[in-house]
PDB file of N, CA and C in Angstrom:
ATOM      1  N   UNK A   1    -192.706  99.731 160.866  1.00  0.00           N
ATOM      2  CA  UNK A   1    -193.142 100.167 162.170  1.00  0.00           C
ATOM      3  C   UNK A   1    -194.582 100.645 162.043  1.00  0.00           C
ATOM      4  N   UNK A   2    -195.377 100.340 163.042  1.00  0.00           N
ATOM      5  CA  UNK A   2    -196.765 100.769 162.991  1.00  0.00           C
ATOM      6  C   UNK A   2    -197.424 100.661 164.349  1.00  0.00           C
ATOM      7  N   UNK A   3    -198.603 101.268 164.463  1.00  0.00           N
ATOM      8  CA  UNK A   3    -199.387 101.227 165.696  1.00  0.00           C
ATOM      9  C   UNK A   3    -200.665 100.473 165.403  1.00  0.00           C
ATOM     10  N   UNK A   4    -200.993  99.521 166.288  1.00  0.00           N
ATOM     11  CA  UNK A   4    -202.183  98.700 166.122  1.00  0.00           C
ATOM     12  C   UNK A   4    -203.083  98.916 167.327  1.00  0.00           C
ATOM     13  N   UNK A   5    -204.344  99.209 167.091  1.00  0.00           N
ATOM     14  CA  UNK A   5    -205.331  99.338 168.163  1.00  0.00           C
ATOM     15  C   UNK A   5    -206.218  98.101 168.178  1.00  0.00           C
ATOM     16  N   UNK A   6    -206.435  97.544 169.366  1.00  0.00           N
ATOM     17  CA  UNK A   6    -207.244  96.336 169.493  1.00  0.00           C
ATOM     18  C   UNK A   6    -208.393  96.597 170.458  1.00  0.00           C
ATOM     19  N   UNK A   7    -209.590  96.208 170.057  1.00  0.00           N
ATOM     20  CA  UNK A   7    -210.756  96.286 170.926  1.00  0.00           C
ATOM     21  C   UNK A   7    -211.199  94.868 171.248  1.00  0.00           C
ATOM     22  N   UNK A   8    -211.653  94.648 172.488  1.00  0.00           N
ATOM     23  CA  UNK A   8    -212.095  93.321 172.874  1.00  0.00           C
ATOM     24  C   UNK A   8    -213.094  93.366 174.011  1.00  0.00           C
ATOM     25  N   UNK A   9    -213.669  92.212 174.289  1.00  0.00           N
ATOM     26  CA  UNK A   9    -214.632  92.071 175.374  1.00  0.00           C
ATOM     27  C   UNK A   9    -214.249  90.843 176.175  1.00  0.00           C
ATOM     28  N   UNK A  10    -214.209  90.982 177.492  1.00  0.00           N
ATOM     29  CA  UNK A  10    -214.020  89.832 178.370  1.00  0.00           C
ATOM     30  C   UNK A  10    -214.991  89.948 179.544  1.00  0.00           C
ATOM     31  N   UNK A  11    -214.803  89.141 180.580  1.00  0.00           N
ATOM     32  CA  UNK A  11    -215.753  89.141 181.701  1.00  0.00           C
ATOM     33  C   UNK A  11    -215.718  90.432 182.513  1.00  0.00           C
ATOM     34  N   UNK A  12    -214.700  91.283 182.322  1.00  0.00           N
ATOM     35  CA  UNK A  12    -214.625  92.554 183.043  1.00  0.00           C
ATOM     36  C   UNK A  12    -215.212  93.714 182.232  1.00  0.00           C
ATOM     37  N   UNK A  13    -215.503  93.489 180.949  1.00  0.00           N
ATOM     38  CA  UNK A  13    -216.109  94.535 180.128  1.00  0.00           C
ATOM     39  C   UNK A  13    -215.387  94.733 178.809  1.00  0.00           C
ATOM     40  N   UNK A  14    -215.659  95.884 178.201  1.00  0.00           N
ATOM     41  CA  UNK A  14    -215.047  96.232 176.914  1.00  0.00           C
ATOM     42  C   UNK A  14    -213.684  96.868 177.186  1.00  0.00           C
ATOM     43  N   UNK A  15    -212.688  96.432 176.450  1.00  0.00           N
ATOM     44  CA  UNK A  15    -211.343  96.970 176.644  1.00  0.00           C
ATOM     45  C   UNK A  15    -210.705  97.393 175.330  1.00  0.00           C
ATOM     46  N   UNK A  16    -209.663  98.223 175.469  1.00  0.00           N
ATOM     47  CA  UNK A  16    -208.882  98.703 174.331  1.00  0.00           C
ATOM     48  C   UNK A  16    -207.412  98.541 174.675  1.00  0.00           C
ATOM     49  N   UNK A  17    -206.609  98.163 173.684  1.00  0.00           N
ATOM     50  CA  UNK A  17    -205.177  97.993 173.897  1.00  0.00           C
ATOM     51  C   UNK A  17    -204.437  98.510 172.671  1.00  0.00           C
ATOM     52  N   UNK A  18    -203.311  99.179 172.882  1.00  0.00           N
ATOM     53  CA  UNK A  18    -202.489  99.682 171.778  1.00  0.00           C
ATOM     54  C   UNK A  18    -201.185  98.904 171.727  1.00  0.00           C
ATOM     55  N   UNK A  19    -200.704  98.697 170.505  1.00  0.00           N
ATOM     56  CA  UNK A  19    -199.439  97.986 170.299  1.00  0.00           C
ATOM     57  C   UNK A  19    -198.576  98.772 169.324  1.00  0.00           C
ATOM     58  N   UNK A  20    -197.294  98.861 169.632  1.00  0.00           N
ATOM     59  CA  UNK A  20    -196.315  99.465 168.732  1.00  0.00           C
ATOM     60  C   UNK A  20    -195.516  98.314 168.136  1.00  0.00           C
ATOM     61  N   UNK A  21    -195.618  98.144 166.827  1.00  0.00           N
ATOM     62  CA  UNK A  21    -195.006  96.996 166.149  1.00  0.00           C
ATOM     63  C   UNK A  21    -193.785  97.478 165.362  1.00  0.00           C
ATOM     64  N   UNK A  22    -192.637  96.866 165.662  1.00  0.00           N
ATOM     65  CA  UNK A  22    -191.401  97.152 164.928  1.00  0.00           C
ATOM     66  C   UNK A  22    -191.043  95.897 164.139  1.00  0.00           C
ATOM     67  N   UNK A  23    -191.027  96.016 162.810  1.00  0.00           N
ATOM     68  CA  UNK A  23    -190.779  94.863 161.941  1.00  0.00           C
ATOM     69  C   UNK A  23    -189.333  94.385 161.981  1.00  0.00           C
ATOM     70  N   UNK A  24    -188.443  95.163 162.548  1.00  0.00           N
ATOM     71  CA  UNK A  24    -187.044  94.758 162.672  1.00  0.00           C
ATOM     72  C   UNK A  24    -186.190  95.237 161.516  1.00  0.00           C
ATOM     73  N   UNK A  25    -184.954  94.847 161.573  1.00  0.00           N
ATOM     74  CA  UNK A  25    -183.984  95.165 160.526  1.00  0.00           C
ATOM     75  C   UNK A  25    -183.801  93.898 159.702  1.00  0.00           C
ATOM     76  N   UNK A  26    -184.043  94.005 158.406  1.00  0.00           N
ATOM     77  CA  UNK A  26    -183.964  92.835 157.536  1.00  0.00           C
ATOM     78  C   UNK A  26    -182.725  92.930 156.659  1.00  0.00           C
ATOM     79  N   UNK A  27    -181.936  91.870 156.682  1.00  0.00           N
ATOM     80  CA  UNK A  27    -180.751  91.765 155.835  1.00  0.00           C
ATOM     81  C   UNK A  27    -180.989  90.641 154.838  1.00  0.00           C
ATOM     82  N   UNK A  28    -180.686  90.887 153.585  1.00  0.00           N
ATOM     83  CA  UNK A  28    -180.855  89.876 152.549  1.00  0.00           C
ATOM     84  C   UNK A  28    -179.517  89.630 151.864  1.00  0.00           C
ATOM     85  N   UNK A  29    -179.137  88.356 151.801  1.00  0.00           N
ATOM     86  CA  UNK A  29    -177.905  87.951 151.134  1.00  0.00           C
ATOM     87  C   UNK A  29    -178.268  87.090 149.927  1.00  0.00           C
ATOM     88  N   UNK A  30    -177.640  87.378 148.802  1.00  0.00           N
ATOM     89  CA  UNK A  30    -177.895  86.625 147.585  1.00  0.00           C
ATOM     90  C   UNK A  30    -176.571  86.143 147.010  1.00  0.00           C
ATOM     91  N   UNK A  31    -176.528  84.856 146.643  1.00  0.00           N
ATOM     92  CA  UNK A  31    -175.341  84.278 146.006  1.00  0.00           C
ATOM     93  C   UNK A  31    -175.769  83.620 144.694  1.00  0.00           C
ATOM     94  N   UNK A  32    -175.021  83.901 143.647  1.00  0.00           N
ATOM     95  CA  UNK A  32    -175.292  83.299 142.345  1.00  0.00           C
ATOM     96  C   UNK A  32    -174.040  82.540 141.916  1.00  0.00           C
ATOM     97  N   UNK A  33    -174.237  81.277 141.565  1.00  0.00           N
ATOM     98  CA  UNK A  33    -173.128  80.428 141.122  1.00  0.00           C
ATOM     99  C   UNK A  33    -173.437  79.974 139.699  1.00  0.00           C
ATOM    100  N   UNK A  34    -172.473  80.161 138.825  1.00  0.00           N
ATOM    101  CA  UNK A  34    -172.659  79.750 137.436  1.00  0.00           C
ATOM    102  C   UNK A  34    -171.497  78.888 136.969  1.00  0.00           C
ATOM    103  N   UNK A  35    -171.786  77.987 136.054  1.00  0.00           N
ATOM    104  CA  UNK A  35    -170.745  77.117 135.499  1.00  0.00           C
ATOM    105  C   UNK A  35    -171.018  76.882 134.020  1.00  0.00           C
ATOM    106  N   UNK A  36    -169.925  76.752 133.279  1.00  0.00           N
ATOM    107  CA  UNK A  36    -170.012  76.503 131.847  1.00  0.00           C
ATOM    108  C   UNK A  36    -168.884  75.556 131.455  1.00  0.00           C
ATOM    109  N   UNK A  37    -169.232  74.531 130.694  1.00  0.00           N
ATOM    110  CA  UNK A  37    -168.217  73.613 130.169  1.00  0.00           C
ATOM    111  C   UNK A  37    -168.281  73.710 128.650  1.00  0.00           C
ATOM    112  N   UNK A  38    -167.106  73.989 128.046  1.00  0.00           N
ATOM    113  CA  UNK A  38    -167.038  74.130 126.595  1.00  0.00           C
ATOM    114  C   UNK A  38    -166.083  73.096 126.012  1.00  0.00           C
ATOM    115  N   UNK A  39    -166.341  72.777 124.774  1.00  0.00           N
ATOM    116  CA  UNK A  39    -165.493  71.827 124.069  1.00  0.00           C
ATOM    117  C   UNK A  39    -165.066  72.463 122.754  1.00  0.00           C
ATOM    118  N   UNK A  40    -163.794  72.282 122.411  1.00  0.00           N
ATOM    119  CA  UNK A  40    -163.306  72.782 121.129  1.00  0.00           C
ATOM    120  C   UNK A  40    -163.497  71.700 120.076  1.00  0.00           C
ATOM    121  N   UNK A  41    -164.149  72.079 118.986  1.00  0.00           N
ATOM    122  CA  UNK A  41    -164.426  71.143 117.903  1.00  0.00           C
ATOM    123  C   UNK A  41    -163.690  71.622 116.652  1.00  0.00           C
ATOM    124  N   UNK A  42    -162.974  70.702 116.029  1.00  0.00           N
ATOM    125  CA  UNK A  42    -162.249  71.014 114.797  1.00  0.00           C
ATOM    126  C   UNK A  42    -163.210  70.887 113.623  1.00  0.00           C
ATOM    127  N   UNK A  43    -163.371  71.976 112.887  1.00  0.00           N
ATOM    128  CA  UNK A  43    -164.263  72.005 111.727  1.00  0.00           C
ATOM    129  C   UNK A  43    -163.569  71.398 110.498  1.00  0.00           C
ATOM    130  N   UNK A  44    -164.329  71.079 109.464  1.00  0.00           N
ATOM    131  CA  UNK A  44    -163.788  70.485 108.231  1.00  0.00           C
ATOM    132  C   UNK A  44    -162.836  71.432 107.512  1.00  0.00           C
ATOM    133  N   UNK A  45    -163.078  72.750 107.694  1.00  0.00           N
ATOM    134  CA  UNK A  45    -162.210  73.719 107.016  1.00  0.00           C
ATOM    135  C   UNK A  45    -160.935  74.021 107.799  1.00  0.00           C
ATOM    136  N   UNK A  46    -160.733  73.332 108.947  1.00  0.00           N
ATOM    137  CA  UNK A  46    -159.507  73.498 109.731  1.00  0.00           C
ATOM    138  C   UNK A  46    -159.617  74.504 110.862  1.00  0.00           C
ATOM    139  N   UNK A  47    -160.744  75.199 110.993  1.00  0.00           N
ATOM    140  CA  UNK A  47    -160.918  76.155 112.084  1.00  0.00           C
ATOM    141  C   UNK A  47    -161.428  75.430 113.326  1.00  0.00           C
ATOM    142  N   UNK A  48    -161.231  76.074 114.464  1.00  0.00           N
ATOM    143  CA  UNK A  48    -161.668  75.520 115.745  1.00  0.00           C
ATOM    144  C   UNK A  48    -162.873  76.322 116.227  1.00  0.00           C
ATOM    145  N   UNK A  49    -163.922  75.599 116.623  1.00  0.00           N
ATOM    146  CA  UNK A  49    -165.141  76.241 117.117  1.00  0.00           C
ATOM    147  C   UNK A  49    -165.420  75.741 118.534  1.00  0.00           C
ATOM    148  N   UNK A  50    -165.775  76.684 119.439  1.00  0.00           N
ATOM    149  CA  UNK A  50    -166.135  76.302 120.806  1.00  0.00           C
ATOM    150  C   UNK A  50    -167.624  75.997 120.879  1.00  0.00           C
ATOM    151  N   UNK A  51    -167.967  74.865 121.499  1.00  0.00           N
ATOM    152  CA  UNK A  51    -169.354  74.432 121.635  1.00  0.00           C
ATOM    153  C   UNK A  51    -169.655  74.258 123.125  1.00  0.00           C
ATOM    154  N   UNK A  52    -170.796  74.815 123.595  1.00  0.00           N
ATOM    155  CA  UNK A  52    -171.201  74.630 124.990  1.00  0.00           C
ATOM    156  C   UNK A  52    -171.711  73.212 125.190  1.00  0.00           C
ATOM    157  N   UNK A  53    -171.164  72.515 126.189  1.00  0.00           N
ATOM    158  CA  UNK A  53    -171.641  71.180 126.537  1.00  0.00           C
ATOM    159  C   UNK A  53    -172.624  71.278 127.699  1.00  0.00           C
ATOM    160  N   UNK A  54    -172.211  71.997 128.755  1.00  0.00           N
ATOM    161  CA  UNK A  54    -173.063  72.190 129.937  1.00  0.00           C
ATOM    162  C   UNK A  54    -173.039  73.668 130.296  1.00  0.00           C
ATOM    163  N   UNK A  55    -174.216  74.199 130.616  1.00  0.00           N
ATOM    164  CA  UNK A  55    -174.332  75.598 131.014  1.00  0.00           C
ATOM    165  C   UNK A  55    -175.394  75.674 132.103  1.00  0.00           C
ATOM    166  N   UNK A  56    -175.042  76.204 133.264  1.00  0.00           N
ATOM    167  CA  UNK A  56    -176.023  76.256 134.344  1.00  0.00           C
ATOM    168  C   UNK A  56    -175.748  77.375 135.326  1.00  0.00           C
ATOM    169  N   UNK A  57    -176.798  77.690 136.097  1.00  0.00           N
ATOM    170  CA  UNK A  57    -176.698  78.753 137.087  1.00  0.00           C
ATOM    171  C   UNK A  57    -177.623  78.423 138.255  1.00  0.00           C
ATOM    172  N   UNK A  58    -177.190  78.734 139.460  1.00  0.00           N
ATOM    173  CA  UNK A  58    -177.994  78.489 140.653  1.00  0.00           C
ATOM    174  C   UNK A  58    -177.964  79.741 141.529  1.00  0.00           C
ATOM    175  N   UNK A  59    -179.114  80.037 142.161  1.00  0.00           N
ATOM    176  CA  UNK A  59    -179.222  81.236 142.990  1.00  0.00           C
ATOM    177  C   UNK A  59    -179.764  80.848 144.372  1.00  0.00           C
ATOM    178  N   UNK A  60    -179.128  81.387 145.414  1.00  0.00           N
ATOM    179  CA  UNK A  60    -179.558  81.157 146.793  1.00  0.00           C
ATOM    180  C   UNK A  60    -179.768  82.518 147.442  1.00  0.00           C
ATOM    181  N   UNK A  61    -180.913  82.680 148.129  1.00  0.00           N
ATOM    182  CA  UNK A  61    -181.211  83.941 148.801  1.00  0.00           C
ATOM    183  C   UNK A  61    -181.557  83.652 150.260  1.00  0.00           C
ATOM    184  N   UNK A  62    -180.926  84.377 151.176  1.00  0.00           N
ATOM    185  CA  UNK A  62    -181.154  84.212 152.614  1.00  0.00           C
ATOM    186  C   UNK A  62    -181.576  85.553 153.189  1.00  0.00           C
ATOM    187  N   UNK A  63    -182.642  85.548 154.003  1.00  0.00           N
ATOM    188  CA  UNK A  63    -183.113  86.771 154.653  1.00  0.00           C
ATOM    189  C   UNK A  63    -183.048  86.580 156.163  1.00  0.00           C
ATOM    190  N   UNK A  64    -182.436  87.526 156.849  1.00  0.00           N
ATOM    191  CA  UNK A  64    -182.294  87.493 158.309  1.00  0.00           C
ATOM    192  C   UNK A  64    -182.985  88.723 158.875  1.00  0.00           C
ATOM    193  N   UNK A  65    -183.839  88.513 159.887  1.00  0.00           N
ATOM    194  CA  UNK A  65    -184.528  89.624 160.554  1.00  0.00           C
ATOM    195  C   UNK A  65    -184.023  89.722 161.987  1.00  0.00           C
ATOM    196  N   UNK A  66    -183.614  90.928 162.380  1.00  0.00           N
ATOM    197  CA  UNK A  66    -183.112  91.160 163.738  1.00  0.00           C
ATOM    198  C   UNK A  66    -183.936  92.250 164.412  1.00  0.00           C
ATOM    199  N   UNK A  67    -184.023  92.192 165.712  1.00  0.00           N
ATOM    200  CA  UNK A  67    -184.649  93.211 166.555  1.00  0.00           C
ATOM    201  C   UNK A  67    -186.142  93.380 166.291  1.00  0.00           C
ATOM    202  N   UNK A  68    -186.806  92.331 165.864  1.00  0.00           N
ATOM    203  CA  UNK A  68    -188.261  92.386 165.646  1.00  0.00           C
ATOM    204  C   UNK A  68    -188.948  92.278 166.999  1.00  0.00           C
ATOM    205  N   UNK A  69    -189.836  93.234 167.297  1.00  0.00           N
ATOM    206  CA  UNK A  69    -190.487  93.232 168.613  1.00  0.00           C
ATOM    207  C   UNK A  69    -191.806  93.998 168.560  1.00  0.00           C
ATOM    208  N   UNK A  70    -192.715  93.631 169.456  1.00  0.00           N
ATOM    209  CA  UNK A  70    -193.984  94.336 169.610  1.00  0.00           C
ATOM    210  C   UNK A  70    -194.121  94.795 171.054  1.00  0.00           C
ATOM    211  N   UNK A  71    -194.348  96.084 171.250  1.00  0.00           N
ATOM    212  CA  UNK A  71    -194.567  96.649 172.575  1.00  0.00           C
ATOM    213  C   UNK A  71    -196.068  96.838 172.754  1.00  0.00           C
ATOM    214  N   UNK A  72    -196.635  96.312 173.843  1.00  0.00           N
ATOM    215  CA  UNK A  72    -198.075  96.422 174.087  1.00  0.00           C
ATOM    216  C   UNK A  72    -198.351  97.187 175.361  1.00  0.00           C
ATOM    217  N   UNK A  73    -199.401  98.000 175.333  1.00  0.00           N
ATOM    218  CA  UNK A  73    -199.838  98.708 176.538  1.00  0.00           C
ATOM    219  C   UNK A  73    -200.729  97.781 177.359  1.00  0.00           C
ATOM    220  N   UNK A  74    -201.044  98.185 178.551  1.00  0.00           N
ATOM    221  CA  UNK A  74    -202.005  97.445 179.362  1.00  0.00           C
ATOM    222  C   UNK A  74    -203.401  97.616 178.755  1.00  0.00           C
ATOM    223  N   UNK A  75    -204.315  96.749 179.127  1.00  0.00           N
ATOM    224  CA  UNK A  75    -205.697  96.887 178.668  1.00  0.00           C
ATOM    225  C   UNK A  75    -206.361  98.045 179.398  1.00  0.00           C
ATOM    226  N   UNK A  76    -207.035  98.914 178.647  1.00  0.00           N
ATOM    227  CA  UNK A  76    -207.804 100.004 179.229  1.00  0.00           C
ATOM    228  C   UNK A  76    -209.282  99.628 179.104  1.00  0.00           C
ATOM    229  N   UNK A  77    -209.963  99.516 180.241  1.00  0.00           N
ATOM    230  CA  UNK A  77    -211.367  99.147 180.233  1.00  0.00           C
ATOM    231  C   UNK A  77    -212.255 100.380 180.092  1.00  0.00           C
ATOM    232  N   UNK A  78    -213.207 100.318 179.181  1.00  0.00           N
ATOM    233  CA  UNK A  78    -214.133 101.413 178.940  1.00  0.00           C
ATOM    234  C   UNK A  78    -215.364 101.207 179.805  1.00  0.00           C
ATOM    235  N   UNK A  79    -215.710 102.214 180.621  1.00  0.00           N
ATOM    236  CA  UNK A  79    -216.843 102.072 181.527  1.00  0.00           C
ATOM    237  C   UNK A  79    -217.841 103.178 181.298  1.00  0.00           C
TER     238      UNK A  79
END
């Protein structure tokens, strides 16, 4: 949230305008998906060892902004 002051010039003269800016409510959702594929391998000594064949991860992030708005005053002309 913030206040912005703007100065300008047009055919009627120098003017000033104020704005109240509300950035809104921001919601962020994050999903992480992971997968692993393993294979059991028989060693020469008779033991079993697990070996990774495929290993991966994916991340998705979504941001939603609600109620974002700017309120502006009328132009005030300086004379």
